[in-house]
C-alpha atoms as a PDB file:
ATOM      1  CA  UNK A   1      -0.648 -51.850  -1.536  1.00  0.00           C
ATOM      2  CA  UNK A   2      -1.825 -49.184  -3.991  1.00  0.00           C
ATOM      3  CA  UNK A   3      -2.122 -45.487  -3.042  1.00  0.00           C
ATOM      4  CA  UNK A   4      -5.550 -44.535  -1.765  1.00  0.00           C
ATOM      5  CA  UNK A   5      -6.366 -48.061  -0.573  1.00  0.00           C
ATOM      6  CA  UNK A   6      -8.073 -46.545   2.447  1.00  0.00           C
ATOM      7  CA  UNK A   7      -9.903 -43.292   1.796  1.00  0.00           C
ATOM      8  CA  UNK A   8     -10.572 -42.657   5.485  1.00  0.00           C
ATOM      9  CA  UNK A   9      -7.276 -43.441   7.236  1.00  0.00           C
ATOM     10  CA  UNK A  10      -5.095 -42.393   4.266  1.00  0.00           C
ATOM     11  CA  UNK A  11      -2.930 -45.376   5.179  1.00  0.00           C
ATOM     12  CA  UNK A  12      -0.441 -46.789   2.697  1.00  0.00           C
ATOM     13  CA  UNK A  13      -0.277 -50.327   4.134  1.00  0.00           C
ATOM     14  CA  UNK A  14      -2.489 -52.852   5.910  1.00  0.00           C
ATOM     15  CA  UNK A  15      -0.423 -52.357   9.053  1.00  0.00           C
ATOM     16  CA  UNK A  16      -1.173 -48.631   9.003  1.00  0.00           C
ATOM     17  CA  UNK A  17      -4.889 -49.319   8.509  1.00  0.00           C
ATOM     18  CA  UNK A  18      -4.825 -51.588  11.572  1.00  0.00           C
ATOM     19  CA  UNK A  19      -2.999 -49.015  13.655  1.00  0.00           C
ATOM     20  CA  UNK A  20      -5.493 -46.318  12.614  1.00  0.00           C
ATOM     21  CA  UNK A  21      -8.577 -48.284  13.630  1.00  0.00           C
ATOM     22  CA  UNK A  22      -6.927 -49.351  16.886  1.00  0.00           C
ATOM     23  CA  UNK A  23      -7.191 -45.733  17.985  1.00  0.00           C
ATOM     24  CA  UNK A  24     -10.309 -44.497  16.107  1.00  0.00           C
ATOM     25  CA  UNK A  25     -14.036 -45.274  16.262  1.00  0.00           C
ATOM     26  CA  UNK A  26     -15.956 -46.067  13.071  1.00  0.00           C
ATOM     27  CA  UNK A  27     -18.954 -44.165  14.438  1.00  0.00           C
ATOM     28  CA  UNK A  28     -16.980 -40.937  14.041  1.00  0.00           C
ATOM     29  CA  UNK A  29     -16.514 -41.615  10.318  1.00  0.00           C
ATOM     30  CA  UNK A  30     -19.865 -43.198   9.457  1.00  0.00           C
ATOM     31  CA  UNK A  31     -20.864 -40.340   7.171  1.00  0.00           C
ATOM     32  CA  UNK A  32     -17.771 -41.002   5.038  1.00  0.00           C
ATOM     33  CA  UNK A  33     -18.612 -44.665   4.554  1.00  0.00           C
ATOM     34  CA  UNK A  34     -20.523 -45.971   1.519  1.00  0.00           C
ATOM     35  CA  UNK A  35     -22.522 -49.184   0.854  1.00  0.00           C
ATOM     36  CA  UNK A  36     -20.714 -52.201  -0.592  1.00  0.00           C
ATOM     37  CA  UNK A  37     -21.848 -55.643  -1.727  1.00  0.00           C
ATOM     38  CA  UNK A  38     -19.960 -58.895  -1.220  1.00  0.00           C
ATOM     39  CA  UNK A  39     -20.710 -62.618  -1.060  1.00  0.00           C
ATOM     40  CA  UNK A  40     -20.085 -64.811   1.982  1.00  0.00           C
ATOM     41  CA  UNK A  41     -20.014 -68.589   1.902  1.00  0.00           C
ATOM     42  CA  UNK A  42     -21.389 -69.594   5.295  1.00  0.00           C
ATOM     43  CA  UNK A  43     -21.506 -73.275   4.454  1.00  0.00           C
ATOM     44  CA  UNK A  44     -19.962 -75.216   7.321  1.00  0.00           C
ATOM     45  CA  UNK A  45     -17.091 -77.642   6.698  1.00  0.00           C
ATOM     46  CA  UNK A  46     -18.395 -79.753   9.566  1.00  0.00           C
ATOM     47  CA  UNK A  47     -21.393 -82.074   9.319  1.00  0.00           C
ATOM     48  CA  UNK A  48     -23.228 -82.993  12.509  1.00  0.00           C
ATOM     49  CA  UNK A  49     -24.917 -86.354  13.082  1.00  0.00           C
ATOM     50  CA  UNK A  50     -27.377 -86.945  15.953  1.00  0.00           C
ATOM     51  CA  UNK A  51     -26.677 -89.519  18.666  1.00  0.00           C
ATOM     52  CA  UNK A  52     -29.076 -90.975  21.207  1.00  0.00           C
ATOM     53  CA  UNK A  53     -28.454 -89.718  24.733  1.00  0.00           C
ATOM     54  CA  UNK A  54     -27.433 -93.165  25.999  1.00  0.00           C
ATOM     55  CA  UNK A  55     -24.957 -93.652  23.150  1.00  0.00           C
ATOM     56  CA  UNK A  56     -23.605 -90.142  23.603  1.00  0.00           C
ATOM     57  CA  UNK A  57     -22.985 -90.795  27.300  1.00  0.00           C
ATOM     58  CA  UNK A  58     -21.113 -94.023  26.508  1.00  0.00           C
ATOM     59  CA  UNK A  59     -18.898 -92.175  24.035  1.00  0.00           C
ATOM     60  CA  UNK A  60     -18.201 -89.454  26.600  1.00  0.00           C
ATOM     61  CA  UNK A  61     -17.347 -92.041  29.241  1.00  0.00           C
ATOM     62  CA  UNK A  62     -14.902 -93.915  26.984  1.00  0.00           C
ATOM     63  CA  UNK A  63     -13.354 -90.659  25.765  1.00  0.00           C
ATOM     64  CA  UNK A  64     -12.818 -89.556  29.367  1.00  0.00           C
ATOM     65  CA  UNK A  65     -11.116 -92.869  30.200  1.00  0.00           C
ATOM     66  CA  UNK A  66      -8.775 -92.448  27.218  1.00  0.00           C
ATOM     67  CA  UNK A  67      -8.125 -88.786  27.940  1.00  0.00           C
ATOM     68  CA  UNK A  68      -9.395 -87.394  24.632  1.00  0.00           C
ATOM     69  CA  UNK A  69     -12.377 -85.209  23.631  1.00  0.00           C
ATOM     70  CA  UNK A  70     -15.461 -87.195  22.490  1.00  0.00           C
ATOM     71  CA  UNK A  71     -15.363 -85.693  18.985  1.00  0.00           C
ATOM     72  CA  UNK A  72     -11.747 -86.806  18.506  1.00  0.00           C
ATOM     73  CA  UNK A  73     -12.579 -90.342  19.644  1.00  0.00           C
ATOM     74  CA  UNK A  74     -15.534 -90.549  17.248  1.00  0.00           C
ATOM     75  CA  UNK A  75     -13.441 -89.240  14.362  1.00  0.00           C
ATOM     76  CA  UNK A  76     -10.782 -91.853  15.130  1.00  0.00           C
ATOM     77  CA  UNK A  77     -13.313 -94.708  15.230  1.00  0.00           C
ATOM     78  CA  UNK A  78     -14.999 -93.634  11.999  1.00  0.00           C
ATOM     79  CA  UNK A  79     -11.691 -93.157  10.205  1.00  0.00           C
ATOM     80  CA  UNK A  80     -10.606 -96.637  11.232  1.00  0.00           C
ATOM     81  CA  UNK A  81     -13.841 -98.262  10.015  1.00  0.00           C
ATOM     82  CA  UNK A  82     -13.858 -96.346   6.726  1.00  0.00           C
ATOM     83  CA  UNK A  83     -10.313 -97.412   5.926  1.00  0.00           C
ATOM     84  CA  UNK A  84     -11.138-101.044   6.661  1.00  0.00           C
ATOM     85  CA  UNK A  85     -14.244-100.818   4.468  1.00  0.00           C
ATOM     86  CA  UNK A  86     -12.347 -99.184   1.602  1.00  0.00           C
ATOM     87  CA  UNK A  87      -9.565-101.740   1.658  1.00  0.00           C
ATOM     88  CA  UNK A  88     -11.839-104.758   1.903  1.00  0.00           C
ATOM     89  CA  UNK A  89     -10.312-107.982   3.170  1.00  0.00           C
ATOM     90  CA  UNK A  90      -6.582-108.120   3.826  1.00  0.00           C
ATOM     91  CA  UNK A  91      -4.964-111.554   3.780  1.00  0.00           C
ATOM     92  CA  UNK A  92      -1.384-112.526   4.427  1.00  0.00           C
ATOM     93  CA  UNK A  93       1.039-115.369   3.925  1.00  0.00           C
ATOM     94  CA  UNK A  94       3.551-115.564   6.750  1.00  0.00           C
ATOM     95  CA  UNK A  95       5.606-118.081   8.726  1.00  0.00           C
ATOM     96  CA  UNK A  96       3.483-120.082  11.160  1.00  0.00           C
ATOM     97  CA  UNK A  97       4.580-120.393  14.780  1.00  0.00           C
ATOM     98  CA  UNK A  98       4.275-124.167  14.526  1.00  0.00           C
ATOM     99  CA  UNK A  99       6.267-124.413  11.309  1.00  0.00           C
ATOM    100  CA  UNK A 100       5.267-124.073   7.686  1.00  0.00           C
ATOM    101  CA  UNK A 101       3.427-121.149   6.109  1.00  0.00           C
ATOM    102  CA  UNK A 102       0.083-119.797   7.241  1.00  0.00           C
ATOM    103  CA  UNK A 103      -2.657-118.159   5.191  1.00  0.00           C
ATOM    104  CA  UNK A 104      -4.703-115.886   7.429  1.00  0.00           C
ATOM    105  CA  UNK A 105      -6.717-112.711   7.644  1.00  0.00           C
ATOM    106  CA  UNK A 106      -4.434-109.913   8.731  1.00  0.00           C
ATOM    107  CA  UNK A 107      -6.493-109.144  11.838  1.00  0.00           C
ATOM    108  CA  UNK A 108      -7.024-112.779  12.888  1.00  0.00           C
ATOM    109  CA  UNK A 109      -4.956-114.729  15.368  1.00  0.00           C
ATOM    110  CA  UNK A 110      -5.830-118.144  13.934  1.00  0.00           C
ATOM    111  CA  UNK A 111      -4.721-119.163  10.448  1.00  0.00           C
ATOM    112  CA  UNK A 112      -7.225-120.187   7.776  1.00  0.00           C
ATOM    113  CA  UNK A 113      -4.870-122.917   6.552  1.00  0.00           C
ATOM    114  CA  UNK A 114      -1.227-123.888   7.075  1.00  0.00           C
ATOM    115  CA  UNK A 115       0.996-125.518   4.443  1.00  0.00           C
ATOM    116  CA  UNK A 116       4.467-126.937   4.576  1.00  0.00           C
ATOM    117  CA  UNK A 117       5.731-124.852   1.659  1.00  0.00           C
ATOM    118  CA  UNK A 118       5.388-121.155   0.943  1.00  0.00           C
ATOM    119  CA  UNK A 119       4.607-121.882  -2.704  1.00  0.00           C
ATOM    120  CA  UNK A 120       1.505-123.918  -1.837  1.00  0.00           C
ATOM    121  CA  UNK A 121       0.368-121.298   0.672  1.00  0.00           C
ATOM    122  CA  UNK A 122       0.718-118.605  -2.006  1.00  0.00           C
ATOM    123  CA  UNK A 123      -1.457-120.540  -4.469  1.00  0.00           C
ATOM    124  CA  UNK A 124      -4.274-120.961  -1.942  1.00  0.00           C
ATOM    125  CA  UNK A 125      -3.949-117.395  -0.669  1.00  0.00           C
ATOM    126  CA  UNK A 126      -4.376-116.014  -4.189  1.00  0.00           C
ATOM    127  CA  UNK A 127      -7.528-118.071  -4.702  1.00  0.00           C
ATOM    128  CA  UNK A 128      -8.957-116.843  -1.396  1.00  0.00           C
ATOM    129  CA  UNK A 129      -8.062-113.223  -2.214  1.00  0.00           C
ATOM    130  CA  UNK A 130      -9.714-113.402  -5.638  1.00  0.00           C
ATOM    131  CA  UNK A 131     -12.857-114.912  -4.136  1.00  0.00           C
ATOM    132  CA  UNK A 132     -13.074-111.970  -1.702  1.00  0.00           C
ATOM    133  CA  UNK A 133     -12.177-109.155  -4.113  1.00  0.00           C
ATOM    134  CA  UNK A 134     -11.543-106.329  -3.702  1.00  0.00           C
ATOM    135  CA  UNK A 135      -8.837-107.532  -1.362  1.00  0.00           C
ATOM    136  CA  UNK A 136      -5.137-107.249  -0.627  1.00  0.00           C
ATOM    137  CA  UNK A 137      -2.635-110.042  -0.115  1.00  0.00           C
ATOM    138  CA  UNK A 138       0.496-109.272   1.904  1.00  0.00           C
ATOM    139  CA  UNK A 139       3.351-111.764   1.594  1.00  0.00           C
ATOM    140  CA  UNK A 140       5.994-111.910   4.323  1.00  0.00           C
ATOM    141  CA  UNK A 141       9.552-113.196   4.434  1.00  0.00           C
ATOM    142  CA  UNK A 142      10.829-115.596   7.074  1.00  0.00           C
ATOM    143  CA  UNK A 143      12.239-112.698   9.088  1.00  0.00           C
ATOM    144  CA  UNK A 144       8.810-111.041   9.288  1.00  0.00           C
ATOM    145  CA  UNK A 145       9.534-108.296   6.753  1.00  0.00           C
ATOM    146  CA  UNK A 146       7.024-107.648   3.968  1.00  0.00           C
ATOM    147  CA  UNK A 147       8.114-109.229   0.700  1.00  0.00           C
ATOM    148  CA  UNK A 148       5.304-108.041  -1.579  1.00  0.00           C
ATOM    149  CA  UNK A 149       1.764-106.659  -1.613  1.00  0.00           C
ATOM    150  CA  UNK A 150      -0.868-107.626  -4.206  1.00  0.00           C
ATOM    151  CA  UNK A 151      -4.258-106.104  -5.057  1.00  0.00           C
ATOM    152  CA  UNK A 152      -7.040-108.427  -6.248  1.00  0.00           C
ATOM    153  CA  UNK A 153      -9.989-106.705  -7.906  1.00  0.00           C
ATOM    154  CA  UNK A 154     -12.020-107.541 -11.016  1.00  0.00           C
ATOM    155  CA  UNK A 155     -13.428-104.014 -11.414  1.00  0.00           C
ATOM    156  CA  UNK A 156     -11.955-101.849 -14.219  1.00  0.00           C
ATOM    157  CA  UNK A 157     -12.400 -98.807 -11.973  1.00  0.00           C
ATOM    158  CA  UNK A 158      -9.624-100.053  -9.695  1.00  0.00           C
ATOM    159  CA  UNK A 159      -6.545 -98.811 -11.540  1.00  0.00           C
ATOM    160  CA  UNK A 160      -2.990 -98.099 -10.379  1.00  0.00           C
ATOM    161  CA  UNK A 161      -4.079 -94.941  -8.539  1.00  0.00           C
ATOM    162  CA  UNK A 162      -6.661 -96.981  -6.630  1.00  0.00           C
ATOM    163  CA  UNK A 163      -4.015 -99.580  -5.834  1.00  0.00           C
ATOM    164  CA  UNK A 164      -1.644 -96.967  -4.436  1.00  0.00           C
ATOM    165  CA  UNK A 165      -4.484 -95.392  -2.459  1.00  0.00           C
ATOM    166  CA  UNK A 166      -5.372 -98.740  -0.900  1.00  0.00           C
ATOM    167  CA  UNK A 167      -1.741 -99.353   0.021  1.00  0.00           C
ATOM    168  CA  UNK A 168      -1.542 -95.938   1.687  1.00  0.00           C
ATOM    169  CA  UNK A 169      -4.721 -96.690   3.623  1.00  0.00           C
ATOM    170  CA  UNK A 170      -3.334-100.080   4.611  1.00  0.00           C
ATOM    171  CA  UNK A 171      -0.252 -98.391   6.071  1.00  0.00           C
ATOM    172  CA  UNK A 172      -2.464 -95.928   7.938  1.00  0.00           C
ATOM    173  CA  UNK A 173      -4.583 -98.783   9.268  1.00  0.00           C
ATOM    174  CA  UNK A 174      -1.434-100.545  10.496  1.00  0.00           C
ATOM    175  CA  UNK A 175      -0.473 -97.376  12.358  1.00  0.00           C
ATOM    176  CA  UNK A 176      -3.927 -97.235  13.955  1.00  0.00           C
ATOM    177  CA  UNK A 177      -3.694-100.885  15.035  1.00  0.00           C
ATOM    178  CA  UNK A 178      -0.241-100.309  16.474  1.00  0.00           C
ATOM    179  CA  UNK A 179      -1.647 -97.367  18.423  1.00  0.00           C
ATOM    180  CA  UNK A 180      -4.501 -99.565  19.693  1.00  0.00           C
ATOM    181  CA  UNK A 181      -1.992-102.179  20.822  1.00  0.00           C
ATOM    182  CA  UNK A 182       0.083 -99.547  22.620  1.00  0.00           C
ATOM    183  CA  UNK A 183      -2.971 -98.260  24.524  1.00  0.00           C
ATOM    184  CA  UNK A 184      -4.000-101.798  25.457  1.00  0.00           C
ATOM    185  CA  UNK A 185      -0.538-102.425  26.911  1.00  0.00           C
ATOM    186  CA  UNK A 186      -1.205 -99.970  29.726  1.00  0.00           C
ATOM    187  CA  UNK A 187       1.815 -97.817  28.938  1.00  0.00           C
ATOM    188  CA  UNK A 188       1.655 -94.040  29.353  1.00  0.00           C
ATOM    189  CA  UNK A 189      -0.507 -92.738  26.476  1.00  0.00           C
ATOM    190  CA  UNK A 190       0.741 -90.208  23.943  1.00  0.00           C
ATOM    191  CA  UNK A 191      -1.243 -88.232  21.335  1.00  0.00           C
ATOM    192  CA  UNK A 192      -2.345 -90.278  18.316  1.00  0.00           C
ATOM    193  CA  UNK A 193      -0.507 -88.075  15.803  1.00  0.00           C
ATOM    194  CA  UNK A 194       2.700 -88.353  17.849  1.00  0.00           C
ATOM    195  CA  UNK A 195       2.306 -92.124  18.031  1.00  0.00           C
ATOM    196  CA  UNK A 196       1.931 -92.394  14.241  1.00  0.00           C
ATOM    197  CA  UNK A 197       5.078 -90.308  13.683  1.00  0.00           C
ATOM    198  CA  UNK A 198       7.019 -92.511  16.102  1.00  0.00           C
ATOM    199  CA  UNK A 199       5.798 -95.730  14.450  1.00  0.00           C
ATOM    200  CA  UNK A 200       6.658 -94.491  10.962  1.00  0.00           C
ATOM    201  CA  UNK A 201      10.143 -93.381  12.044  1.00  0.00           C
ATOM    202  CA  UNK A 202      10.822 -96.774  13.631  1.00  0.00           C
ATOM    203  CA  UNK A 203       9.686 -98.540  10.439  1.00  0.00           C
ATOM    204  CA  UNK A 204      12.049 -96.420   8.363  1.00  0.00           C
END
């Protein structure tokens, strides 16, 4: 801090300025003050959207049941939907419970088709993914681990950075779904951020 930073308190540091004004009143020094001009950006970082009273009450009721503030619940819901919209459809090829290999939407319980061989399932899955582009195809191994992830998009704007972004959002969406499953199980709830950290640590 340069000498003469404060012409009134004669302080040589910000700490000394604070200590001075803790024990002095500006009104006693008003005649020594002089006009200054400065710019303030009062633009809010938060955007507000109106909700009907009935809808607002439903949100409050659900938030109370889940033990979170309404604004946090809304942010969580919107984040989840935006990620799903950005990613588009997510398909997967994975072992079927009845044998063979299933092609299915990642969020669906029932398979779209089931084939005896993984190779045939992969061929059909790629055709389905291309027809629904932009989309992602996740291929699993027999042990349930992810073998590979593929992006299908015919737009030149979807480059490698877009691909990596979609993969990151897919991982975040998986964490959200795991959190949803944990809450549905009836176990003692924990904060969402803590749940995500726990899930990521367990997945290595």
